[in-house]
Each structure stands twice: as C-alpha cells, then as structure tokens.
Amino acid sequence: SILRHVSKPNDQITTEFTAANIISVTSGLLSIATGIIAILVSRNLS
C-alpha cells in the first residue's frame, strides 16, 4: 500500500523505509521458523 510507490521513485531510493520493511518481513518468517522448532523441542527434549 505504501512502499511500492516510494521504494524507487524517479531513481531515488528511500533506503530507511525499504530496509526496515525487508527486515520486518524477514523477522516475521524467522519467528515462524523459531516457533516451529520450539514446538518440536517441547515434544522431543532428548
């Protein structure tokens, strides 16, 4: 809704917006993976 319009307007890159959003999305994916591993560990402590 927002960053696709300002990620590279007229060859100007808004680094702070794009980088923060990429890190946010990646953090969400890694949190999902960590949660899955935590569930597996809870069922297989040994």
All heavy atoms as atom14 arrays in JSON, in Angstrom:
{
  "sequence": "SILRHVSKPNDQITTEFTAANIISVTSGLLSIATGIIAILVSRNLS",
  "atom14_mask": [
    [1, 1, 1, 1, 1, 1, 0, 0, 0, 0, 0, 0, 0, 0],
    [1, 1, 1, 1, 1, 1, 1, 1, 0, 0, 0, 0, 0, 0],
    [1, 1, 1, 1, 1, 1, 1, 1, 0, 0, 0, 0, 0, 0],
    [1, 1, 1, 1, 1, 1, 1, 1, 1, 1, 1, 0, 0, 0],
    [1, 1, 1, 1, 1, 1, 1, 1, 1, 1, 0, 0, 0, 0],
    [1, 1, 1, 1, 1, 1, 1, 0, 0, 0, 0, 0, 0, 0],
    [1, 1, 1, 1, 1, 1, 0, 0, 0, 0, 0, 0, 0, 0],
    [1, 1, 1, 1, 1, 1, 1, 1, 1, 0, 0, 0, 0, 0],
    [1, 1, 1, 1, 1, 1, 1, 0, 0, 0, 0, 0, 0, 0],
    [1, 1, 1, 1, 1, 1, 1, 1, 0, 0, 0, 0, 0, 0],
    [1, 1, 1, 1, 1, 1, 1, 1, 0, 0, 0, 0, 0, 0],
    [1, 1, 1, 1, 1, 1, 1, 1, 1, 0, 0, 0, 0, 0],
    [1, 1, 1, 1, 1, 1, 1, 1, 0, 0, 0, 0, 0, 0],
    [1, 1, 1, 1, 1, 1, 1, 0, 0, 0, 0, 0, 0, 0],
    [1, 1, 1, 1, 1, 1, 1, 0, 0, 0, 0, 0, 0, 0],
    [1, 1, 1, 1, 1, 1, 1, 1, 1, 0, 0, 0, 0, 0],
    [1, 1, 1, 1, 1, 1, 1, 1, 1, 1, 1, 0, 0, 0],
    [1, 1, 1, 1, 1, 1, 1, 0, 0, 0, 0, 0, 0, 0],
    [1, 1, 1, 1, 1, 0, 0, 0, 0, 0, 0, 0, 0, 0],
    [1, 1, 1, 1, 1, 0, 0, 0, 0, 0, 0, 0, 0, 0],
    [1, 1, 1, 1, 1, 1, 1, 1, 0, 0, 0, 0, 0, 0],
    [1, 1, 1, 1, 1, 1, 1, 1, 0, 0, 0, 0, 0, 0],
    [1, 1, 1, 1, 1, 1, 1, 1, 0, 0, 0, 0, 0, 0],
    [1, 1, 1, 1, 1, 1, 0, 0, 0, 0, 0, 0, 0, 0],
    [1, 1, 1, 1, 1, 1, 1, 0, 0, 0, 0, 0, 0, 0],
    [1, 1, 1, 1, 1, 1, 1, 0, 0, 0, 0, 0, 0, 0],
    [1, 1, 1, 1, 1, 1, 0, 0, 0, 0, 0, 0, 0, 0],
    [1, 1, 1, 1, 0, 0, 0, 0, 0, 0, 0, 0, 0, 0],
    [1, 1, 1, 1, 1, 1, 1, 1, 0, 0, 0, 0, 0, 0],
    [1, 1, 1, 1, 1, 1, 1, 1, 0, 0, 0, 0, 0, 0],
    [1, 1, 1, 1, 1, 1, 0, 0, 0, 0, 0, 0, 0, 0],
    [1, 1, 1, 1, 1, 1, 1, 1, 0, 0, 0, 0, 0, 0],
    [1, 1, 1, 1, 1, 0, 0, 0, 0, 0, 0, 0, 0, 0],
    [1, 1, 1, 1, 1, 1, 1, 0, 0, 0, 0, 0, 0, 0],
    [1, 1, 1, 1, 0, 0, 0, 0, 0, 0, 0, 0, 0, 0],
    [1, 1, 1, 1, 1, 1, 1, 1, 0, 0, 0, 0, 0, 0],
    [1, 1, 1, 1, 1, 1, 1, 1, 0, 0, 0, 0, 0, 0],
    [1, 1, 1, 1, 1, 0, 0, 0, 0, 0, 0, 0, 0, 0],
    [1, 1, 1, 1, 1, 1, 1, 1, 0, 0, 0, 0, 0, 0],
    [1, 1, 1, 1, 1, 1, 1, 1, 0, 0, 0, 0, 0, 0],
    [1, 1, 1, 1, 1, 1, 1, 0, 0, 0, 0, 0, 0, 0],
    [1, 1, 1, 1, 1, 1, 0, 0, 0, 0, 0, 0, 0, 0],
    [1, 1, 1, 1, 1, 1, 1, 1, 1, 1, 1, 0, 0, 0],
    [1, 1, 1, 1, 1, 1, 1, 1, 0, 0, 0, 0, 0, 0],
    [1, 1, 1, 1, 1, 1, 1, 1, 0, 0, 0, 0, 0, 0],
    [1, 1, 1, 1, 1, 1, 0, 0, 0, 0, 0, 0, 0, 0]
  ],
  "atom14_positions": [
    [[0.8, -1.22, 0.0], [0.0, 0.0, 0.0], [0.83, 1.28, 0.0], [0.33, 2.33, -0.41], [-0.93, 0.01, 1.22], [-0.17, -0.01, 2.42], [0.0, 0.0, 0.0], [0.0, 0.0, 0.0], [0.0, 0.0, 0.0], [0.0, 0.0, 0.0], [0.0, 0.0, 0.0], [0.0, 0.0, 0.0], [0.0, 0.0, 0.0], [0.0, 0.0, 0.0]],
    [[2.08, 1.19, 0.47], [2.87, 2.42, 0.63], [4.23, 2.33, -0.06], [4.53, 3.1, -0.97], [3.08, 2.73, 2.13], [1.72, 2.95, 2.81], [3.95, 3.96, 2.3], [1.82, 3.05, 4.31], [0.0, 0.0, 0.0], [0.0, 0.0, 0.0], [0.0, 0.0, 0.0], [0.0, 0.0, 0.0], [0.0, 0.0, 0.0], [0.0, 0.0, 0.0]],
    [[5.05, 1.36, 0.37], [6.46, 1.39, -0.02], [6.69, 1.06, -1.49], [7.71, 1.45, -2.05], [7.25, 0.41, 0.85], [7.3, 0.76, 2.34], [8.21, -0.2, 3.07], [7.78, 2.18, 2.54], [0.0, 0.0, 0.0], [0.0, 0.0, 0.0], [0.0, 0.0, 0.0], [0.0, 0.0, 0.0], [0.0, 0.0, 0.0], [0.0, 0.0, 0.0]],
    [[5.78, 0.37, -2.13], [5.99, 0.07, -3.55], [5.93, 1.33, -4.39], [6.45, 1.35, -5.52], [4.97, -0.94, -4.05], [3.53, -0.45, -4.13], [2.61, -1.59, -4.51], [1.22, -1.17, -4.58], [0.64, -0.75, -5.7], [1.35, -0.68, -6.82], [-0.63, -0.39, -5.7], [0.0, 0.0, 0.0], [0.0, 0.0, 0.0], [0.0, 0.0, 0.0]],
    [[5.32, 2.38, -3.86], [5.27, 3.65, -4.58], [6.5, 4.5, -4.34], [6.82, 5.37, -5.16], [4.03, 4.45, -4.15], [2.74, 3.75, -4.4], [2.32, 3.37, -5.65], [1.77, 3.33, -3.54], [1.15, 2.77, -5.58], [0.79, 2.74, -4.3], [0.0, 0.0, 0.0], [0.0, 0.0, 0.0], [0.0, 0.0, 0.0], [0.0, 0.0, 0.0]],
    [[7.18, 4.28, -3.22], [8.31, 5.16, -2.87], [9.62, 4.4, -2.78], [10.63, 4.97, -2.41], [8.05, 5.86, -1.51], [6.81, 6.71, -1.58], [7.96, 4.85, -0.39], [0.0, 0.0, 0.0], [0.0, 0.0, 0.0], [0.0, 0.0, 0.0], [0.0, 0.0, 0.0], [0.0, 0.0, 0.0], [0.0, 0.0, 0.0], [0.0, 0.0, 0.0]],
    [[9.62, 3.1, -3.11], [10.86, 2.33, -2.99], [11.91, 2.8, -3.99], [13.1, 2.8, -3.71], [10.58, 0.84, -3.21], [10.02, 0.63, -4.5], [0.0, 0.0, 0.0], [0.0, 0.0, 0.0], [0.0, 0.0, 0.0], [0.0, 0.0, 0.0], [0.0, 0.0, 0.0], [0.0, 0.0, 0.0], [0.0, 0.0, 0.0], [0.0, 0.0, 0.0]],
    [[11.47, 3.24, -5.18], [12.42, 3.77, -6.15], [11.73, 4.78, -7.08], [11.64, 4.57, -8.28], [13.05, 2.64, -6.97], [14.28, 3.07, -7.74], [14.92, 1.89, -8.45], [16.16, 2.33, -9.21], [16.8, 1.21, -9.93], [0.0, 0.0, 0.0], [0.0, 0.0, 0.0], [0.0, 0.0, 0.0], [0.0, 0.0, 0.0], [0.0, 0.0, 0.0]],
    [[11.22, 5.85, -6.52], [10.58, 6.86, -7.37], [11.6, 7.75, -8.04], [12.45, 8.35, -7.38], [9.73, 7.66, -6.37], [10.48, 7.53, -5.08], [11.17, 6.19, -5.11], [0.0, 0.0, 0.0], [0.0, 0.0, 0.0], [0.0, 0.0, 0.0], [0.0, 0.0, 0.0], [0.0, 0.0, 0.0], [0.0, 0.0, 0.0], [0.0, 0.0, 0.0]],
    [[11.52, 7.83, -9.38], [12.45, 8.68, -10.13], [13.91, 8.39, -9.79], [14.73, 9.29, -9.61], [12.14, 10.16, -9.87], [10.73, 10.52, -10.28], [10.19, 9.97, -11.24], [10.11, 11.44, -9.54], [0.0, 0.0, 0.0], [0.0, 0.0, 0.0], [0.0, 0.0, 0.0], [0.0, 0.0, 0.0], [0.0, 0.0, 0.0], [0.0, 0.0, 0.0]],
    [[14.22, 7.09, -9.65], [15.59, 6.64, -9.33], [16.08, 7.14, -7.99], [17.28, 7.21, -7.73], [16.58, 7.09, -10.42], [16.26, 6.43, -11.76], [15.8, 5.26, -11.73], [16.47, 7.07, -12.79], [0.0, 0.0, 0.0], [0.0, 0.0, 0.0], [0.0, 0.0, 0.0], [0.0, 0.0, 0.0], [0.0, 0.0, 0.0], [0.0, 0.0, 0.0]],
    [[15.18, 7.52, -7.09], [15.54, 7.89, -5.72], [15.12, 6.75, -4.79], [13.95, 6.38, -4.76], [14.86, 9.18, -5.29], [15.19, 10.38, -6.18], [14.48, 11.61, -5.69], [14.48, 11.93, -4.51], [13.85, 12.34, -6.61], [0.0, 0.0, 0.0], [0.0, 0.0, 0.0], [0.0, 0.0, 0.0], [0.0, 0.0, 0.0], [0.0, 0.0, 0.0]],
    [[16.05, 6.2, -4.06], [15.76, 5.06, -3.21], [15.62, 5.51, -1.76], [16.52, 6.12, -1.19], [16.88, 4.0, -3.32], [17.02, 3.52, -4.76], [16.59, 2.82, -2.41], [18.15, 2.54, -4.96], [0.0, 0.0, 0.0], [0.0, 0.0, 0.0], [0.0, 0.0, 0.0], [0.0, 0.0, 0.0], [0.0, 0.0, 0.0], [0.0, 0.0, 0.0]],
    [[14.49, 5.24, -1.17], [14.28, 5.56, 0.24], [14.78, 4.38, 1.07], [14.02, 3.48, 1.43], [12.79, 5.8, 0.5], [12.04, 4.68, 0.0], [12.32, 7.06, -0.19], [0.0, 0.0, 0.0], [0.0, 0.0, 0.0], [0.0, 0.0, 0.0], [0.0, 0.0, 0.0], [0.0, 0.0, 0.0], [0.0, 0.0, 0.0], [0.0, 0.0, 0.0]],
    [[16.05, 4.4, 1.37], [16.71, 3.25, 1.99], [16.12, 2.91, 3.35], [15.9, 1.74, 3.67], [18.21, 3.52, 2.15], [18.74, 3.94, 0.89], [18.94, 2.27, 2.63], [0.0, 0.0, 0.0], [0.0, 0.0, 0.0], [0.0, 0.0, 0.0], [0.0, 0.0, 0.0], [0.0, 0.0, 0.0], [0.0, 0.0, 0.0], [0.0, 0.0, 0.0]],
    [[15.84, 3.93, 4.15], [15.4, 3.66, 5.51], [14.05, 2.94, 5.54], [13.82, 2.06, 6.38], [15.31, 4.95, 6.33], [14.27, 5.96, 5.87], [14.76, 6.85, 4.75], [15.87, 6.59, 4.25], [14.05, 7.79, 4.38], [0.0, 0.0, 0.0], [0.0, 0.0, 0.0], [0.0, 0.0, 0.0], [0.0, 0.0, 0.0], [0.0, 0.0, 0.0]],
    [[13.15, 3.28, 4.6], [11.85, 2.62, 4.56], [11.96, 1.19, 4.05], [11.42, 0.25, 4.63], [10.88, 3.41, 3.68], [10.61, 4.8, 4.17], [10.4, 5.84, 3.28], [10.59, 5.09, 5.53], [10.15, 7.13, 3.73], [10.34, 6.37, 5.99], [10.12, 7.39, 5.08], [0.0, 0.0, 0.0], [0.0, 0.0, 0.0], [0.0, 0.0, 0.0]],
    [[12.65, 1.03, 2.93], [12.76, -0.28, 2.3], [13.5, -1.27, 3.19], [13.06, -2.41, 3.37], [13.48, -0.16, 0.95], [12.8, 0.8, 0.13], [13.5, -1.5, 0.23], [0.0, 0.0, 0.0], [0.0, 0.0, 0.0], [0.0, 0.0, 0.0], [0.0, 0.0, 0.0], [0.0, 0.0, 0.0], [0.0, 0.0, 0.0], [0.0, 0.0, 0.0]],
    [[14.63, -0.84, 3.77], [15.42, -1.74, 4.62], [14.63, -2.17, 5.85], [14.63, -3.35, 6.22], [16.73, -1.07, 5.03], [0.0, 0.0, 0.0], [0.0, 0.0, 0.0], [0.0, 0.0, 0.0], [0.0, 0.0, 0.0], [0.0, 0.0, 0.0], [0.0, 0.0, 0.0], [0.0, 0.0, 0.0], [0.0, 0.0, 0.0], [0.0, 0.0, 0.0]],
    [[13.95, -1.22, 6.48], [13.17, -1.55, 7.67], [12.07, -2.54, 7.35], [11.8, -3.47, 8.12], [12.58, -0.27, 8.28], [0.0, 0.0, 0.0], [0.0, 0.0, 0.0], [0.0, 0.0, 0.0], [0.0, 0.0, 0.0], [0.0, 0.0, 0.0], [0.0, 0.0, 0.0], [0.0, 0.0, 0.0], [0.0, 0.0, 0.0], [0.0, 0.0, 0.0]],
    [[11.42, -2.37, 6.2], [10.33, -3.27, 5.84], [10.85, -4.67, 5.5], [10.24, -5.68, 5.87], [9.55, -2.7, 4.66], [8.25, -3.41, 4.43], [7.37, -3.37, 5.27], [8.11, -4.08, 3.3], [0.0, 0.0, 0.0], [0.0, 0.0, 0.0], [0.0, 0.0, 0.0], [0.0, 0.0, 0.0], [0.0, 0.0, 0.0], [0.0, 0.0, 0.0]],
    [[11.97, -4.75, 4.8], [12.55, -6.05, 4.46], [12.95, -6.8, 5.73], [12.69, -8.01, 5.88], [13.76, -5.87, 3.52], [13.29, -5.37, 2.15], [14.53, -7.18, 3.38], [14.43, -5.06, 1.2], [0.0, 0.0, 0.0], [0.0, 0.0, 0.0], [0.0, 0.0, 0.0], [0.0, 0.0, 0.0], [0.0, 0.0, 0.0], [0.0, 0.0, 0.0]],
    [[13.58, -6.1, 6.67], [13.97, -6.72, 7.93], [12.74, -7.18, 8.7], [12.73, -8.25, 9.31], [14.82, -5.75, 8.77], [16.14, -5.46, 8.07], [15.09, -6.34, 10.15], [16.98, -4.42, 8.78], [0.0, 0.0, 0.0], [0.0, 0.0, 0.0], [0.0, 0.0, 0.0], [0.0, 0.0, 0.0], [0.0, 0.0, 0.0], [0.0, 0.0, 0.0]],
    [[11.67, -6.38, 8.66], [10.45, -6.73, 9.37], [9.84, -8.01, 8.82], [9.44, -8.9, 9.57], [9.45, -5.57, 9.28], [8.23, -5.91, 9.91], [0.0, 0.0, 0.0], [0.0, 0.0, 0.0], [0.0, 0.0, 0.0], [0.0, 0.0, 0.0], [0.0, 0.0, 0.0], [0.0, 0.0, 0.0], [0.0, 0.0, 0.0], [0.0, 0.0, 0.0]],
    [[9.76, -8.11, 7.5], [9.19, -9.31, 6.87], [10.06, -10.53, 7.16], [9.56, -11.62, 7.49], [9.03, -9.09, 5.36], [8.64, -10.39, 4.66], [7.98, -8.01, 5.08], [0.0, 0.0, 0.0], [0.0, 0.0, 0.0], [0.0, 0.0, 0.0], [0.0, 0.0, 0.0], [0.0, 0.0, 0.0], [0.0, 0.0, 0.0], [0.0, 0.0, 0.0]],
    [[11.39, -10.36, 7.04], [12.31, -11.47, 7.31], [12.23, -11.92, 8.76], [12.27, -13.11, 9.07], [13.75, -11.07, 6.96], [13.8, -10.56, 5.63], [14.69, -12.26, 7.08], [0.0, 0.0, 0.0], [0.0, 0.0, 0.0], [0.0, 0.0, 0.0], [0.0, 0.0, 0.0], [0.0, 0.0, 0.0], [0.0, 0.0, 0.0], [0.0, 0.0, 0.0]],
    [[12.11, -10.95, 9.67], [11.97, -11.27, 11.08], [10.71, -12.08, 11.34], [10.7, -13.02, 12.15], [11.96, -9.99, 11.91], [11.69, -10.26, 13.27], [0.0, 0.0, 0.0], [0.0, 0.0, 0.0], [0.0, 0.0, 0.0], [0.0, 0.0, 0.0], [0.0, 0.0, 0.0], [0.0, 0.0, 0.0], [0.0, 0.0, 0.0], [0.0, 0.0, 0.0]],
    [[9.62, -11.73, 10.65], [8.39, -12.5, 10.8], [8.56, -13.95, 10.36], [8.1, -14.88, 11.04], [0.0, 0.0, 0.0], [0.0, 0.0, 0.0], [0.0, 0.0, 0.0], [0.0, 0.0, 0.0], [0.0, 0.0, 0.0], [0.0, 0.0, 0.0], [0.0, 0.0, 0.0], [0.0, 0.0, 0.0], [0.0, 0.0, 0.0], [0.0, 0.0, 0.0]],
    [[9.23, -14.16, 9.22], [9.46, -15.52, 8.74], [10.35, -16.31, 9.69], [10.09, -17.5, 9.97], [10.1, -15.47, 7.34], [9.21, -14.93, 6.21], [10.01, -14.8, 4.92], [8.0, -15.82, 6.01], [0.0, 0.0, 0.0], [0.0, 0.0, 0.0], [0.0, 0.0, 0.0], [0.0, 0.0, 0.0], [0.0, 0.0, 0.0], [0.0, 0.0, 0.0]],
    [[11.42, -15.67, 10.2], [12.32, -16.36, 11.13], [11.62, -16.66, 12.45], [11.89, -17.69, 13.08], [13.57, -15.53, 11.36], [14.7, -16.19, 12.18], [15.11, -17.52, 11.55], [15.9, -15.27, 12.29], [0.0, 0.0, 0.0], [0.0, 0.0, 0.0], [0.0, 0.0, 0.0], [0.0, 0.0, 0.0], [0.0, 0.0, 0.0], [0.0, 0.0, 0.0]],
    [[10.72, -15.79, 12.87], [9.96, -16.05, 14.1], [9.07, -17.28, 13.93], [8.92, -18.09, 14.86], [9.1, -14.83, 14.46], [9.9, -13.72, 14.81], [0.0, 0.0, 0.0], [0.0, 0.0, 0.0], [0.0, 0.0, 0.0], [0.0, 0.0, 0.0], [0.0, 0.0, 0.0], [0.0, 0.0, 0.0], [0.0, 0.0, 0.0], [0.0, 0.0, 0.0]],
    [[8.48, -17.42, 12.76], [7.67, -18.61, 12.49], [8.52, -19.87, 12.56], [8.13, -20.87, 13.17], [6.99, -18.49, 11.11], [6.0, -17.32, 11.11], [6.28, -19.78, 10.73], [5.41, -17.0, 9.74], [0.0, 0.0, 0.0], [0.0, 0.0, 0.0], [0.0, 0.0, 0.0], [0.0, 0.0, 0.0], [0.0, 0.0, 0.0], [0.0, 0.0, 0.0]],
    [[9.71, -19.82, 11.94], [10.61, -20.98, 11.97], [11.05, -21.3, 13.4], [11.1, -22.48, 13.81], [11.82, -20.71, 11.08], [0.0, 0.0, 0.0], [0.0, 0.0, 0.0], [0.0, 0.0, 0.0], [0.0, 0.0, 0.0], [0.0, 0.0, 0.0], [0.0, 0.0, 0.0], [0.0, 0.0, 0.0], [0.0, 0.0, 0.0], [0.0, 0.0, 0.0]],
    [[11.38, -20.26, 14.17], [11.79, -20.47, 15.56], [10.66, -21.06, 16.39], [10.88, -21.94, 17.23], [12.24, -19.14, 16.19], [13.29, -18.56, 15.4], [12.75, -19.35, 17.61], [0.0, 0.0, 0.0], [0.0, 0.0, 0.0], [0.0, 0.0, 0.0], [0.0, 0.0, 0.0], [0.0, 0.0, 0.0], [0.0, 0.0, 0.0], [0.0, 0.0, 0.0]],
    [[9.44, -20.6, 16.16], [8.29, -21.16, 16.87], [8.08, -22.62, 16.56], [7.77, -23.43, 17.45], [0.0, 0.0, 0.0], [0.0, 0.0, 0.0], [0.0, 0.0, 0.0], [0.0, 0.0, 0.0], [0.0, 0.0, 0.0], [0.0, 0.0, 0.0], [0.0, 0.0, 0.0], [0.0, 0.0, 0.0], [0.0, 0.0, 0.0], [0.0, 0.0, 0.0]],
    [[8.25, -23.0, 15.29], [8.1, -24.41, 14.92], [9.15, -25.27, 15.59], [8.86, -26.36, 16.11], [8.18, -24.55, 13.38], [6.96, -23.87, 12.73], [8.24, -26.02, 12.97], [7.03, -23.84, 11.22], [0.0, 0.0, 0.0], [0.0, 0.0, 0.0], [0.0, 0.0, 0.0], [0.0, 0.0, 0.0], [0.0, 0.0, 0.0], [0.0, 0.0, 0.0]],
    [[10.41, -24.79, 15.6], [11.48, -25.53, 16.26], [11.22, -25.66, 17.75], [11.45, -26.72, 18.36], [12.84, -24.86, 15.99], [13.18, -24.91, 14.5], [13.95, -25.54, 16.8], [14.44, -24.18, 14.14], [0.0, 0.0, 0.0], [0.0, 0.0, 0.0], [0.0, 0.0, 0.0], [0.0, 0.0, 0.0], [0.0, 0.0, 0.0], [0.0, 0.0, 0.0]],
    [[10.71, -24.59, 18.37], [10.4, -24.63, 19.81], [9.35, -25.69, 20.1], [9.44, -26.42, 21.1], [9.93, -23.25, 20.28], [0.0, 0.0, 0.0], [0.0, 0.0, 0.0], [0.0, 0.0, 0.0], [0.0, 0.0, 0.0], [0.0, 0.0, 0.0], [0.0, 0.0, 0.0], [0.0, 0.0, 0.0], [0.0, 0.0, 0.0], [0.0, 0.0, 0.0]],
    [[8.33, -25.8, 19.25], [7.3, -26.82, 19.44], [7.89, -28.22, 19.3], [7.58, -29.13, 20.09], [6.15, -26.6, 18.44], [5.43, -25.29, 18.75], [5.16, -27.76, 18.5], [4.37, -24.92, 17.72], [0.0, 0.0, 0.0], [0.0, 0.0, 0.0], [0.0, 0.0, 0.0], [0.0, 0.0, 0.0], [0.0, 0.0, 0.0], [0.0, 0.0, 0.0]],
    [[8.77, -28.4, 18.32], [9.41, -29.71, 18.13], [10.27, -30.07, 19.33], [10.28, -31.23, 19.77], [10.25, -29.69, 16.85], [9.49, -29.59, 15.53], [10.46, -29.48, 14.36], [8.58, -30.81, 15.35], [0.0, 0.0, 0.0], [0.0, 0.0, 0.0], [0.0, 0.0, 0.0], [0.0, 0.0, 0.0], [0.0, 0.0, 0.0], [0.0, 0.0, 0.0]],
    [[10.98, -29.08, 19.87], [11.82, -29.35, 21.04], [10.96, -29.72, 22.25], [11.32, -30.62, 23.03], [12.7, -28.11, 21.37], [13.41, -28.29, 22.71], [13.72, -27.88, 20.27], [0.0, 0.0, 0.0], [0.0, 0.0, 0.0], [0.0, 0.0, 0.0], [0.0, 0.0, 0.0], [0.0, 0.0, 0.0], [0.0, 0.0, 0.0], [0.0, 0.0, 0.0]],
    [[9.82, -29.06, 22.4], [8.95, -29.36, 23.55], [8.42, -30.78, 23.51], [8.1, -31.36, 24.55], [7.78, -28.38, 23.58], [6.89, -28.59, 22.49], [0.0, 0.0, 0.0], [0.0, 0.0, 0.0], [0.0, 0.0, 0.0], [0.0, 0.0, 0.0], [0.0, 0.0, 0.0], [0.0, 0.0, 0.0], [0.0, 0.0, 0.0], [0.0, 0.0, 0.0]],
    [[8.35, -31.37, 22.32], [7.87, -32.74, 22.19], [9.0, -33.75, 22.13], [8.75, -34.96, 22.21], [7.02, -32.88, 20.91], [5.86, -31.91, 20.82], [4.83, -32.19, 21.88], [4.2, -33.49, 21.7], [3.32, -34.02, 22.51], [2.96, -33.36, 23.61], [2.79, -35.2, 22.26], [0.0, 0.0, 0.0], [0.0, 0.0, 0.0], [0.0, 0.0, 0.0]],
    [[10.23, -33.26, 21.98], [11.39, -34.16, 21.87], [12.57, -33.56, 22.63], [13.55, -33.1, 22.03], [11.78, -34.38, 20.4], [10.63, -34.91, 19.56], [10.39, -36.1, 19.48], [9.92, -34.0, 18.91], [0.0, 0.0, 0.0], [0.0, 0.0, 0.0], [0.0, 0.0, 0.0], [0.0, 0.0, 0.0], [0.0, 0.0, 0.0], [0.0, 0.0, 0.0]],
    [[12.48, -33.55, 23.95], [13.5, -32.9, 24.77], [14.86, -33.59, 24.69], [15.88, -32.97, 24.98], [13.04, -32.84, 26.23], [11.91, -31.87, 26.56], [11.56, -31.96, 28.03], [12.28, -30.44, 26.19], [0.0, 0.0, 0.0], [0.0, 0.0, 0.0], [0.0, 0.0, 0.0], [0.0, 0.0, 0.0], [0.0, 0.0, 0.0], [0.0, 0.0, 0.0]],
    [[14.9, -34.84, 24.35], [16.17, -35.59, 24.39], [16.95, -35.52, 23.09], [18.06, -36.06, 23.02], [15.89, -37.06, 24.74], [15.03, -37.65, 23.77], [0.0, 0.0, 0.0], [0.0, 0.0, 0.0], [0.0, 0.0, 0.0], [0.0, 0.0, 0.0], [0.0, 0.0, 0.0], [0.0, 0.0, 0.0], [0.0, 0.0, 0.0], [0.0, 0.0, 0.0]]
  ]
}
